[in-house]
Amino acid sequence: MVARIFRPAKTAMQSGRAKTKRWVLEWEPETAKTADPLMGWTSSSDMKGQLRLFFETKEEAVAYATRKNLDHRVIDPQERSPKTVSYSDNFKFGRVGVWTH
């Protein structure tokens, strides 16, 4: 069983970047989830899918995985590229495109 070490991305329901600073160690699923035929709920017999370990740094997570002899892979996060957007650019003289109401 392989463990994934990653830093989670921000969810679509957040405007800030809460809960994205810590590193997470979680196990990849061994079996696919199955749908209950009566209720339609999804379930899994894989109990390690419920376990998530949080670490402050990537090095701590890798050290834990090597200390416990876990096969692991590290997924490095993609850094954000900040975009500078100015409200006044909507009204500038050399604007590309027609400004209408």
PDB file of N, CA and C in Angstrom:
ATOM      1  N   MET A   1       0.849  -1.175   0.000  1.00  0.00           N
ATOM      2  CA  MET A   1       0.000   0.000   0.000  1.00  0.00           C
ATOM      3  C   MET A   1       0.892   1.234   0.000  1.00  0.00           C
ATOM      4  N   VAL A   2       0.567   2.180  -0.847  1.00  0.00           N
ATOM      5  CA  VAL A   2       1.371   3.383  -1.033  1.00  0.00           C
ATOM      6  C   VAL A   2       0.709   4.550  -0.318  1.00  0.00           C
ATOM      7  N   ALA A   3       1.521   5.330   0.371  1.00  0.00           N
ATOM      8  CA  ALA A   3       1.022   6.528   1.048  1.00  0.00           C
ATOM      9  C   ALA A   3       1.337   7.746   0.193  1.00  0.00           C
ATOM     10  N   ARG A   4       0.402   8.684   0.147  1.00  0.00           N
ATOM     11  CA  ARG A   4       0.605   9.939  -0.568  1.00  0.00           C
ATOM     12  C   ARG A   4       0.906  11.027   0.451  1.00  0.00           C
ATOM     13  N   ILE A   5       1.898  11.835   0.148  1.00  0.00           N
ATOM     14  CA  ILE A   5       2.233  12.990   0.984  1.00  0.00           C
ATOM     15  C   ILE A   5       2.022  14.220   0.115  1.00  0.00           C
ATOM     16  N   PHE A   6       1.125  15.103   0.546  1.00  0.00           N
ATOM     17  CA  PHE A   6       0.795  16.269  -0.258  1.00  0.00           C
ATOM     18  C   PHE A   6       0.307  17.393   0.627  1.00  0.00           C
ATOM     19  N   ARG A   7       0.227  18.572   0.042  1.00  0.00           N
ATOM     20  CA  ARG A   7      -0.365  19.732   0.706  1.00  0.00           C
ATOM     21  C   ARG A   7      -1.679  20.004   0.006  1.00  0.00           C
ATOM     22  N   PRO A   8      -2.819  19.961   0.717  1.00  0.00           N
ATOM     23  CA  PRO A   8      -4.114  20.077   0.046  1.00  0.00           C
ATOM     24  C   PRO A   8      -4.330  21.459  -0.569  1.00  0.00           C
ATOM     25  N   ALA A   9      -5.059  21.470  -1.659  1.00  0.00           N
ATOM     26  CA  ALA A   9      -5.422  22.724  -2.316  1.00  0.00           C
ATOM     27  C   ALA A   9      -6.624  23.332  -1.610  1.00  0.00           C
ATOM     28  N   LYS A  10      -6.852  24.600  -1.843  1.00  0.00           N
ATOM     29  CA  LYS A  10      -8.000  25.238  -1.211  1.00  0.00           C
ATOM     30  C   LYS A  10      -9.264  24.763  -1.901  1.00  0.00           C
ATOM     31  N   THR A  11     -10.318  24.634  -1.136  1.00  0.00           N
ATOM     32  CA  THR A  11     -11.575  24.163  -1.698  1.00  0.00           C
ATOM     33  C   THR A  11     -12.299  25.305  -2.390  1.00  0.00           C
ATOM     34  N   ALA A  12     -13.268  24.969  -3.212  1.00  0.00           N
ATOM     35  CA  ALA A  12     -14.028  25.986  -3.921  1.00  0.00           C
ATOM     36  C   ALA A  12     -14.930  26.773  -2.978  1.00  0.00           C
ATOM     37  N   MET A  13     -15.195  26.249  -1.803  1.00  0.00           N
ATOM     38  CA  MET A  13     -16.070  26.922  -0.849  1.00  0.00           C
ATOM     39  C   MET A  13     -15.318  27.914   0.027  1.00  0.00           C
ATOM     40  N   GLN A  14     -14.007  28.034  -0.142  1.00  0.00           N
ATOM     41  CA  GLN A  14     -13.218  28.944   0.673  1.00  0.00           C
ATOM     42  C   GLN A  14     -12.800  30.148  -0.150  1.00  0.00           C
ATOM     43  N   SER A  15     -12.763  31.299   0.486  1.00  0.00           N
ATOM     44  CA  SER A  15     -12.178  32.450  -0.181  1.00  0.00           C
ATOM     45  C   SER A  15     -10.723  32.605   0.245  1.00  0.00           C
ATOM     46  N   GLY A  16     -10.385  32.120   1.420  1.00  0.00           N
ATOM     47  CA  GLY A  16      -9.019  32.190   1.901  1.00  0.00           C
ATOM     48  C   GLY A  16      -8.293  30.882   1.674  1.00  0.00           C
ATOM     49  N   ARG A  17      -7.111  30.786   2.263  1.00  0.00           N
ATOM     50  CA  ARG A  17      -6.310  29.578   2.089  1.00  0.00           C
ATOM     51  C   ARG A  17      -6.161  28.822   3.405  1.00  0.00           C
ATOM     52  N   ALA A  18      -7.235  28.730   4.156  1.00  0.00           N
ATOM     53  CA  ALA A  18      -7.209  27.995   5.417  1.00  0.00           C
ATOM     54  C   ALA A  18      -7.039  26.509   5.137  1.00  0.00           C
ATOM     55  N   LYS A  19      -6.394  25.823   6.040  1.00  0.00           N
ATOM     56  CA  LYS A  19      -6.159  24.380   5.966  1.00  0.00           C
ATOM     57  C   LYS A  19      -5.333  23.961   4.753  1.00  0.00           C
ATOM     58  N   THR A  20      -4.529  24.869   4.215  1.00  0.00           N
ATOM     59  CA  THR A  20      -3.664  24.505   3.101  1.00  0.00           C
ATOM     60  C   THR A  20      -2.193  24.603   3.464  1.00  0.00           C
ATOM     61  N   LYS A  21      -1.879  24.942   4.702  1.00  0.00           N
ATOM     62  CA  LYS A  21      -0.488  25.108   5.113  1.00  0.00           C
ATOM     63  C   LYS A  21       0.150  23.794   5.543  1.00  0.00           C
ATOM     64  N   ARG A  22      -0.656  22.872   6.075  1.00  0.00           N
ATOM     65  CA  ARG A  22      -0.116  21.620   6.597  1.00  0.00           C
ATOM     66  C   ARG A  22       0.030  20.579   5.497  1.00  0.00           C
ATOM     67  N   TRP A  23       0.907  19.609   5.732  1.00  0.00           N
ATOM     68  CA  TRP A  23       1.111  18.499   4.821  1.00  0.00           C
ATOM     69  C   TRP A  23       0.308  17.310   5.324  1.00  0.00           C
ATOM     70  N   VAL A  24      -0.242  16.528   4.407  1.00  0.00           N
ATOM     71  CA  VAL A  24      -1.119  15.403   4.736  1.00  0.00           C
ATOM     72  C   VAL A  24      -0.492  14.114   4.224  1.00  0.00           C
ATOM     73  N   LEU A  25      -0.542  13.083   5.056  1.00  0.00           N
ATOM     74  CA  LEU A  25      -0.163  11.739   4.643  1.00  0.00           C
ATOM     75  C   LEU A  25      -1.429  10.898   4.668  1.00  0.00           C
ATOM     76  N   GLU A  26      -1.800  10.365   3.516  1.00  0.00           N
ATOM     77  CA  GLU A  26      -2.960   9.489   3.446  1.00  0.00           C
ATOM     78  C   GLU A  26      -2.645   8.337   2.496  1.00  0.00           C
ATOM     79  N   TRP A  27      -3.355   7.245   2.675  1.00  0.00           N
ATOM     80  CA  TRP A  27      -3.105   6.049   1.888  1.00  0.00           C
ATOM     81  C   TRP A  27      -3.967   6.043   0.641  1.00  0.00           C
ATOM     82  N   GLU A  28      -3.394   5.552  -0.456  1.00  0.00           N
ATOM     83  CA  GLU A  28      -4.164   5.386  -1.675  1.00  0.00           C
ATOM     84  C   GLU A  28      -5.115   4.217  -1.487  1.00  0.00           C
ATOM     85  N   PRO A  29      -6.298   4.287  -2.055  1.00  0.00           N
ATOM     86  CA  PRO A  29      -7.277   3.206  -1.842  1.00  0.00           C
ATOM     87  C   PRO A  29      -6.836   1.901  -2.500  1.00  0.00           C
ATOM     88  N   GLU A  30      -7.047   0.800  -1.766  1.00  0.00           N
ATOM     89  CA  GLU A  30      -6.720  -0.513  -2.305  1.00  0.00           C
ATOM     90  C   GLU A  30      -7.839  -1.027  -3.197  1.00  0.00           C
ATOM     91  N   THR A  31      -9.071  -0.743  -2.820  1.00  0.00           N
ATOM     92  CA  THR A  31     -10.219  -1.203  -3.597  1.00  0.00           C
ATOM     93  C   THR A  31     -11.086  -0.008  -3.960  1.00  0.00           C
ATOM     94  N   ALA A  32     -11.846  -0.178  -5.012  1.00  0.00           N
ATOM     95  CA  ALA A  32     -12.754   0.893  -5.434  1.00  0.00           C
ATOM     96  C   ALA A  32     -13.966   0.950  -4.509  1.00  0.00           C
ATOM     97  N   LYS A  33     -14.550   2.114  -4.405  1.00  0.00           N
ATOM     98  CA  LYS A  33     -15.766   2.254  -3.607  1.00  0.00           C
ATOM     99  C   LYS A  33     -16.928   1.629  -4.351  1.00  0.00           C
ATOM    100  N   THR A  34     -17.847   1.053  -3.597  1.00  0.00           N
ATOM    101  CA  THR A  34     -19.006   0.409  -4.196  1.00  0.00           C
ATOM    102  C   THR A  34     -20.271   1.143  -3.776  1.00  0.00           C
ATOM    103  N   ALA A  35     -21.269   1.081  -4.616  1.00  0.00           N
ATOM    104  CA  ALA A  35     -22.541   1.730  -4.321  1.00  0.00           C
ATOM    105  C   ALA A  35     -23.499   0.702  -3.730  1.00  0.00           C
ATOM    106  N   ASP A  36     -24.186   1.087  -2.659  1.00  0.00           N
ATOM    107  CA  ASP A  36     -25.192   0.231  -2.053  1.00  0.00           C
ATOM    108  C   ASP A  36     -26.391   0.154  -3.006  1.00  0.00           C
ATOM    109  N   PRO A  37     -26.843  -1.062  -3.337  1.00  0.00           N
ATOM    110  CA  PRO A  37     -27.928  -1.154  -4.317  1.00  0.00           C
ATOM    111  C   PRO A  37     -29.263  -0.599  -3.826  1.00  0.00           C
ATOM    112  N   LEU A  38     -29.490  -0.615  -2.526  1.00  0.00           N
ATOM    113  CA  LEU A  38     -30.775  -0.158  -2.011  1.00  0.00           C
ATOM    114  C   LEU A  38     -30.810   1.361  -1.832  1.00  0.00           C
ATOM    115  N   MET A  39     -29.833   1.899  -1.117  1.00  0.00           N
ATOM    116  CA  MET A  39     -29.847   3.320  -0.791  1.00  0.00           C
ATOM    117  C   MET A  39     -28.999   4.176  -1.733  1.00  0.00           C
ATOM    118  N   GLY A  40     -28.034   3.568  -2.421  1.00  0.00           N
ATOM    119  CA  GLY A  40     -27.181   4.328  -3.311  1.00  0.00           C
ATOM    120  C   GLY A  40     -25.997   4.974  -2.622  1.00  0.00           C
ATOM    121  N   TRP A  41     -25.773   4.667  -1.341  1.00  0.00           N
ATOM    122  CA  TRP A  41     -24.628   5.222  -0.627  1.00  0.00           C
ATOM    123  C   TRP A  41     -23.362   4.534  -1.097  1.00  0.00           C
ATOM    124  N   THR A  42     -22.262   5.248  -1.060  1.00  0.00           N
ATOM    125  CA  THR A  42     -20.991   4.641  -1.414  1.00  0.00           C
ATOM    126  C   THR A  42     -20.318   4.146  -0.148  1.00  0.00           C
ATOM    127  N   SER A  43     -19.661   3.006  -0.285  1.00  0.00           N
ATOM    128  CA  SER A  43     -18.957   2.443   0.861  1.00  0.00           C
ATOM    129  C   SER A  43     -17.685   1.775   0.381  1.00  0.00           C
ATOM    130  N   SER A  44     -16.823   1.477   1.331  1.00  0.00           N
ATOM    131  CA  SER A  44     -15.558   0.839   1.015  1.00  0.00           C
ATOM    132  C   SER A  44     -15.174  -0.074   2.161  1.00  0.00           C
ATOM    133  N   SER A  45     -14.480  -1.138   1.834  1.00  0.00           N
ATOM    134  CA  SER A  45     -13.999  -2.043   2.873  1.00  0.00           C
ATOM    135  C   SER A  45     -12.577  -1.688   3.295  1.00  0.00           C
ATOM    136  N   ASP A  46     -12.023  -0.651   2.702  1.00  0.00           N
ATOM    137  CA  ASP A  46     -10.667  -0.206   2.996  1.00  0.00           C
ATOM    138  C   ASP A  46     -10.693   0.722   4.213  1.00  0.00           C
ATOM    139  N   MET A  47     -10.191   0.252   5.341  1.00  0.00           N
ATOM    140  CA  MET A  47     -10.240   1.050   6.569  1.00  0.00           C
ATOM    141  C   MET A  47      -9.158   2.133   6.610  1.00  0.00           C
ATOM    142  N   LYS A  48      -8.076   1.969   5.859  1.00  0.00           N
ATOM    143  CA  LYS A  48      -7.030   2.995   5.869  1.00  0.00           C
ATOM    144  C   LYS A  48      -7.456   4.243   5.112  1.00  0.00           C
ATOM    145  N   GLY A  49      -8.535   4.168   4.366  1.00  0.00           N
ATOM    146  CA  GLY A  49      -9.042   5.338   3.673  1.00  0.00           C
ATOM    147  C   GLY A  49      -9.597   6.386   4.623  1.00  0.00           C
ATOM    148  N   GLN A  50      -9.847   6.005   5.857  1.00  0.00           N
ATOM    149  CA  GLN A  50     -10.382   6.941   6.847  1.00  0.00           C
ATOM    150  C   GLN A  50      -9.282   7.641   7.633  1.00  0.00           C
ATOM    151  N   LEU A  51      -8.037   7.247   7.422  1.00  0.00           N
ATOM    152  CA  LEU A  51      -6.929   7.751   8.222  1.00  0.00           C
ATOM    153  C   LEU A  51      -6.155   8.810   7.459  1.00  0.00           C
ATOM    154  N   ARG A  52      -6.017   9.978   8.068  1.00  0.00           N
ATOM    155  CA  ARG A  52      -5.208  11.063   7.522  1.00  0.00           C
ATOM    156  C   ARG A  52      -4.329  11.596   8.639  1.00  0.00           C
ATOM    157  N   LEU A  53      -3.040  11.726   8.358  1.00  0.00           N
ATOM    158  CA  LEU A  53      -2.093  12.267   9.320  1.00  0.00           C
ATOM    159  C   LEU A  53      -1.621  13.623   8.834  1.00  0.00           C
ATOM    160  N   PHE A  54      -1.553  14.595   9.737  1.00  0.00           N
ATOM    161  CA  PHE A  54      -1.168  15.953   9.386  1.00  0.00           C
ATOM    162  C   PHE A  54       0.200  16.268   9.968  1.00  0.00           C
ATOM    163  N   PHE A  55       1.019  16.976   9.178  1.00  0.00           N
ATOM    164  CA  PHE A  55       2.362  17.366   9.583  1.00  0.00           C
ATOM    165  C   PHE A  55       2.577  18.825   9.227  1.00  0.00           C
ATOM    166  N   GLU A  56       3.456  19.470   9.972  1.00  0.00           N
ATOM    167  CA  GLU A  56       3.745  20.880   9.722  1.00  0.00           C
ATOM    168  C   GLU A  56       4.621  21.074   8.490  1.00  0.00           C
ATOM    169  N   THR A  57       5.553  20.152   8.232  1.00  0.00           N
ATOM    170  CA  THR A  57       6.450  20.279   7.090  1.00  0.00           C
ATOM    171  C   THR A  57       6.476  18.988   6.291  1.00  0.00           C
ATOM    172  N   LYS A  58       6.960  19.105   5.070  1.00  0.00           N
ATOM    173  CA  LYS A  58       7.087  17.937   4.198  1.00  0.00           C
ATOM    174  C   LYS A  58       8.148  16.984   4.740  1.00  0.00           C
ATOM    175  N   GLU A  59       9.210  17.538   5.306  1.00  0.00           N
ATOM    176  CA  GLU A  59      10.290  16.711   5.836  1.00  0.00           C
ATOM    177  C   GLU A  59       9.816  15.841   6.997  1.00  0.00           C
ATOM    178  N   GLU A  60       8.939  16.380   7.847  1.00  0.00           N
ATOM    179  CA  GLU A  60       8.386  15.581   8.943  1.00  0.00           C
ATOM    180  C   GLU A  60       7.559  14.417   8.416  1.00  0.00           C
ATOM    181  N   ALA A  61       6.779  14.648   7.380  1.00  0.00           N
ATOM    182  CA  ALA A  61       5.940  13.596   6.806  1.00  0.00           C
ATOM    183  C   ALA A  61       6.789  12.515   6.154  1.00  0.00           C
ATOM    184  N   VAL A  62       7.831  12.921   5.431  1.00  0.00           N
ATOM    185  CA  VAL A  62       8.719  11.945   4.793  1.00  0.00           C
ATOM    186  C   VAL A  62       9.489  11.164   5.846  1.00  0.00           C
ATOM    187  N   ALA A  63       9.932  11.840   6.912  1.00  0.00           N
ATOM    188  CA  ALA A  63      10.648  11.153   7.980  1.00  0.00           C
ATOM    189  C   ALA A  63       9.751  10.129   8.674  1.00  0.00           C
ATOM    190  N   TYR A  64       8.489  10.460   8.878  1.00  0.00           N
ATOM    191  CA  TYR A  64       7.551   9.514   9.483  1.00  0.00           C
ATOM    192  C   TYR A  64       7.365   8.293   8.586  1.00  0.00           C
ATOM    193  N   ALA A  65       7.197   8.525   7.282  1.00  0.00           N
ATOM    194  CA  ALA A  65       6.982   7.414   6.352  1.00  0.00           C
ATOM    195  C   ALA A  65       8.198   6.509   6.270  1.00  0.00           C
ATOM    196  N   THR A  66       9.390   7.072   6.279  1.00  0.00           N
ATOM    197  CA  THR A  66      10.590   6.229   6.234  1.00  0.00           C
ATOM    198  C   THR A  66      10.815   5.513   7.557  1.00  0.00           C
ATOM    199  N   ARG A  67      10.475   6.177   8.663  1.00  0.00           N
ATOM    200  CA  ARG A  67      10.644   5.542   9.978  1.00  0.00           C
ATOM    201  C   ARG A  67       9.712   4.345  10.139  1.00  0.00           C
ATOM    202  N   LYS A  68       8.516   4.430   9.551  1.00  0.00           N
ATOM    203  CA  LYS A  68       7.541   3.342   9.636  1.00  0.00           C
ATOM    204  C   LYS A  68       7.641   2.366   8.458  1.00  0.00           C
ATOM    205  N   ASN A  69       8.647   2.539   7.591  1.00  0.00           N
ATOM    206  CA  ASN A  69       8.878   1.685   6.419  1.00  0.00           C
ATOM    207  C   ASN A  69       7.659   1.655   5.493  1.00  0.00           C
ATOM    208  N   LEU A  70       7.092   2.823   5.223  1.00  0.00           N
ATOM    209  CA  LEU A  70       5.946   2.937   4.330  1.00  0.00           C
ATOM    210  C   LEU A  70       6.419   3.320   2.936  1.00  0.00           C
ATOM    211  N   ASP A  71       5.875   2.662   1.926  1.00  0.00           N
ATOM    212  CA  ASP A  71       6.100   3.124   0.562  1.00  0.00           C
ATOM    213  C   ASP A  71       5.337   4.423   0.408  1.00  0.00           C
ATOM    214  N   HIS A  72       6.006   5.459  -0.076  1.00  0.00           N
ATOM    215  CA  HIS A  72       5.348   6.754  -0.179  1.00  0.00           C
ATOM    216  C   HIS A  72       5.798   7.482  -1.434  1.00  0.00           C
ATOM    217  N   ARG A  73       4.958   8.417  -1.850  1.00  0.00           N
ATOM    218  CA  ARG A  73       5.324   9.326  -2.925  1.00  0.00           C
ATOM    219  C   ARG A  73       4.883  10.728  -2.533  1.00  0.00           C
ATOM    220  N   VAL A  74       5.723  11.682  -2.856  1.00  0.00           N
ATOM    221  CA  VAL A  74       5.483  13.069  -2.485  1.00  0.00           C
ATOM    222  C   VAL A  74       4.936  13.808  -3.701  1.00  0.00           C
ATOM    223  N   ILE A  75       3.836  14.494  -3.520  1.00  0.00           N
ATOM    224  CA  ILE A  75       3.225  15.301  -4.571  1.00  0.00           C
ATOM    225  C   ILE A  75       3.450  16.762  -4.180  1.00  0.00           C
ATOM    226  N   ASP A  76       4.331  17.424  -4.905  1.00  0.00           N
ATOM    227  CA  ASP A  76       4.633  18.821  -4.606  1.00  0.00           C
ATOM    228  C   ASP A  76       3.499  19.708  -5.092  1.00  0.00           C
ATOM    229  N   PRO A  77       3.148  20.744  -4.322  1.00  0.00           N
ATOM    230  CA  PRO A  77       2.037  21.615  -4.719  1.00  0.00           C
ATOM    231  C   PRO A  77       2.433  22.540  -5.858  1.00  0.00           C
ATOM    232  N   GLN A  78       1.448  22.917  -6.650  1.00  0.00           N
ATOM    233  CA  GLN A  78       1.665  23.920  -7.688  1.00  0.00           C
ATOM    234  C   GLN A  78       1.469  25.286  -7.052  1.00  0.00           C
ATOM    235  N   GLU A  79       2.447  26.136  -7.205  1.00  0.00           N
ATOM    236  CA  GLU A  79       2.366  27.458  -6.589  1.00  0.00           C
ATOM    237  C   GLU A  79       1.433  28.354  -7.384  1.00  0.00           C
ATOM    238  N   ARG A  80       0.758  29.234  -6.668  1.00  0.00           N
ATOM    239  CA  ARG A  80      -0.175  30.163  -7.291  1.00  0.00           C
ATOM    240  C   ARG A  80       0.592  31.274  -7.993  1.00  0.00           C
ATOM    241  N   SER A  81       0.057  31.725  -9.102  1.00  0.00           N
ATOM    242  CA  SER A  81       0.624  32.897  -9.766  1.00  0.00           C
ATOM    243  C   SER A  81      -0.352  34.054  -9.546  1.00  0.00           C
ATOM    244  N   PRO A  82       0.031  35.030  -8.740  1.00  0.00           N
ATOM    245  CA  PRO A  82      -0.902  36.117  -8.434  1.00  0.00           C
ATOM    246  C   PRO A  82      -1.175  36.982  -9.668  1.00  0.00           C
ATOM    247  N   LYS A  83      -2.425  37.336  -9.832  1.00  0.00           N
ATOM    248  CA  LYS A  83      -2.834  38.191 -10.936  1.00  0.00           C
ATOM    249  C   LYS A  83      -3.192  39.559 -10.373  1.00  0.00           C
ATOM    250  N   THR A  84      -2.620  40.585 -10.943  1.00  0.00           N
ATOM    251  CA  THR A  84      -2.936  41.932 -10.487  1.00  0.00           C
ATOM    252  C   THR A  84      -4.103  42.448 -11.318  1.00  0.00           C
ATOM    253  N   VAL A  85      -5.192  42.715 -10.654  1.00  0.00           N
ATOM    254  CA  VAL A  85      -6.396  43.205 -11.303  1.00  0.00           C
ATOM    255  C   VAL A  85      -6.769  44.532 -10.650  1.00  0.00           C
ATOM    256  N   SER A  86      -7.015  45.519 -11.473  1.00  0.00           N
ATOM    257  CA  SER A  86      -7.363  46.832 -10.967  1.00  0.00           C
ATOM    258  C   SER A  86      -8.727  47.241 -11.511  1.00  0.00           C
ATOM    259  N   TYR A  87      -9.553  47.755 -10.657  1.00  0.00           N
ATOM    260  CA  TYR A  87     -10.883  48.205 -11.072  1.00  0.00           C
ATOM    261  C   TYR A  87     -10.782  49.380 -12.044  1.00  0.00           C
ATOM    262  N   SER A  88      -9.783  50.223 -11.872  1.00  0.00           N
ATOM    263  CA  SER A  88      -9.652  51.396 -12.736  1.00  0.00           C
ATOM    264  C   SER A  88      -9.260  51.021 -14.165  1.00  0.00           C
ATOM    265  N   ASP A  89      -8.753  49.803 -14.376  1.00  0.00           N
ATOM    266  CA  ASP A  89      -8.422  49.375 -15.736  1.00  0.00           C
ATOM    267  C   ASP A  89      -9.665  49.242 -16.606  1.00  0.00           C
ATOM    268  N   ASN A  90     -10.837  49.114 -16.014  1.00  0.00           N
ATOM    269  CA  ASN A  90     -12.073  49.044 -16.782  1.00  0.00           C
ATOM    270  C   ASN A  90     -12.374  50.358 -17.507  1.00  0.00           C
ATOM    271  N   PHE A  91     -11.837  51.468 -17.020  1.00  0.00           N
ATOM    272  CA  PHE A  91     -12.182  52.782 -17.545  1.00  0.00           C
ATOM    273  C   PHE A  91     -11.012  53.490 -18.204  1.00  0.00           C
ATOM    274  N   LYS A  92      -9.877  52.853 -18.400  1.00  0.00           N
ATOM    275  CA  LYS A  92      -8.718  53.552 -18.955  1.00  0.00           C
ATOM    276  C   LYS A  92      -8.893  53.783 -20.454  1.00  0.00           C
ATOM    277  N   PHE A  93      -8.141  54.739 -20.969  1.00  0.00           N
ATOM    278  CA  PHE A  93      -8.314  55.200 -22.340  1.00  0.00           C
ATOM    279  C   PHE A  93      -7.924  54.128 -23.361  1.00  0.00           C
ATOM    280  N   GLY A  94      -6.831  53.463 -23.186  1.00  0.00           N
ATOM    281  CA  GLY A  94      -6.337  52.498 -24.164  1.00  0.00           C
ATOM    282  C   GLY A  94      -6.865  51.095 -23.937  1.00  0.00           C
ATOM    283  N   ARG A  95      -8.043  50.968 -23.413  1.00  0.00           N
ATOM    284  CA  ARG A  95      -8.615  49.673 -23.074  1.00  0.00           C
ATOM    285  C   ARG A  95      -8.897  48.839 -24.325  1.00  0.00           C
ATOM    286  N   VAL A  96      -8.623  47.550 -24.257  1.00  0.00           N
ATOM    287  CA  VAL A  96      -8.924  46.635 -25.344  1.00  0.00           C
ATOM    288  C   VAL A  96     -10.353  46.184 -25.186  1.00  0.00           C
ATOM    289  N   GLY A  97     -11.156  46.354 -26.192  1.00  0.00           N
ATOM    290  CA  GLY A  97     -12.569  45.976 -26.111  1.00  0.00           C
ATOM    291  C   GLY A  97     -13.439  47.177 -25.838  1.00  0.00           C
ATOM    292  N   VAL A  98     -14.696  47.047 -26.136  1.00  0.00           N
ATOM    293  CA  VAL A  98     -15.652  48.138 -25.973  1.00  0.00           C
ATOM    294  C   VAL A  98     -16.258  48.073 -24.588  1.00  0.00           C
ATOM    295  N   TRP A  99     -16.332  49.224 -23.925  1.00  0.00           N
ATOM    296  CA  TRP A  99     -16.934  49.300 -22.598  1.00  0.00           C
ATOM    297  C   TRP A  99     -18.381  49.739 -22.768  1.00  0.00           C
ATOM    298  N   THR A 100     -19.310  48.892 -22.401  1.00  0.00           N
ATOM    299  CA  THR A 100     -20.725  49.241 -22.508  1.00  0.00           C
ATOM    300  C   THR A 100     -21.419  48.903 -21.197  1.00  0.00           C
ATOM    301  N   HIS A 101     -22.617  49.396 -21.069  1.00  0.00           N
ATOM    302  CA  HIS A 101     -23.426  49.060 -19.886  1.00  0.00           C
ATOM    303  C   HIS A 101     -24.332  47.935 -20.187  1.00  0.00           C
TER     304      HIS A 101
END
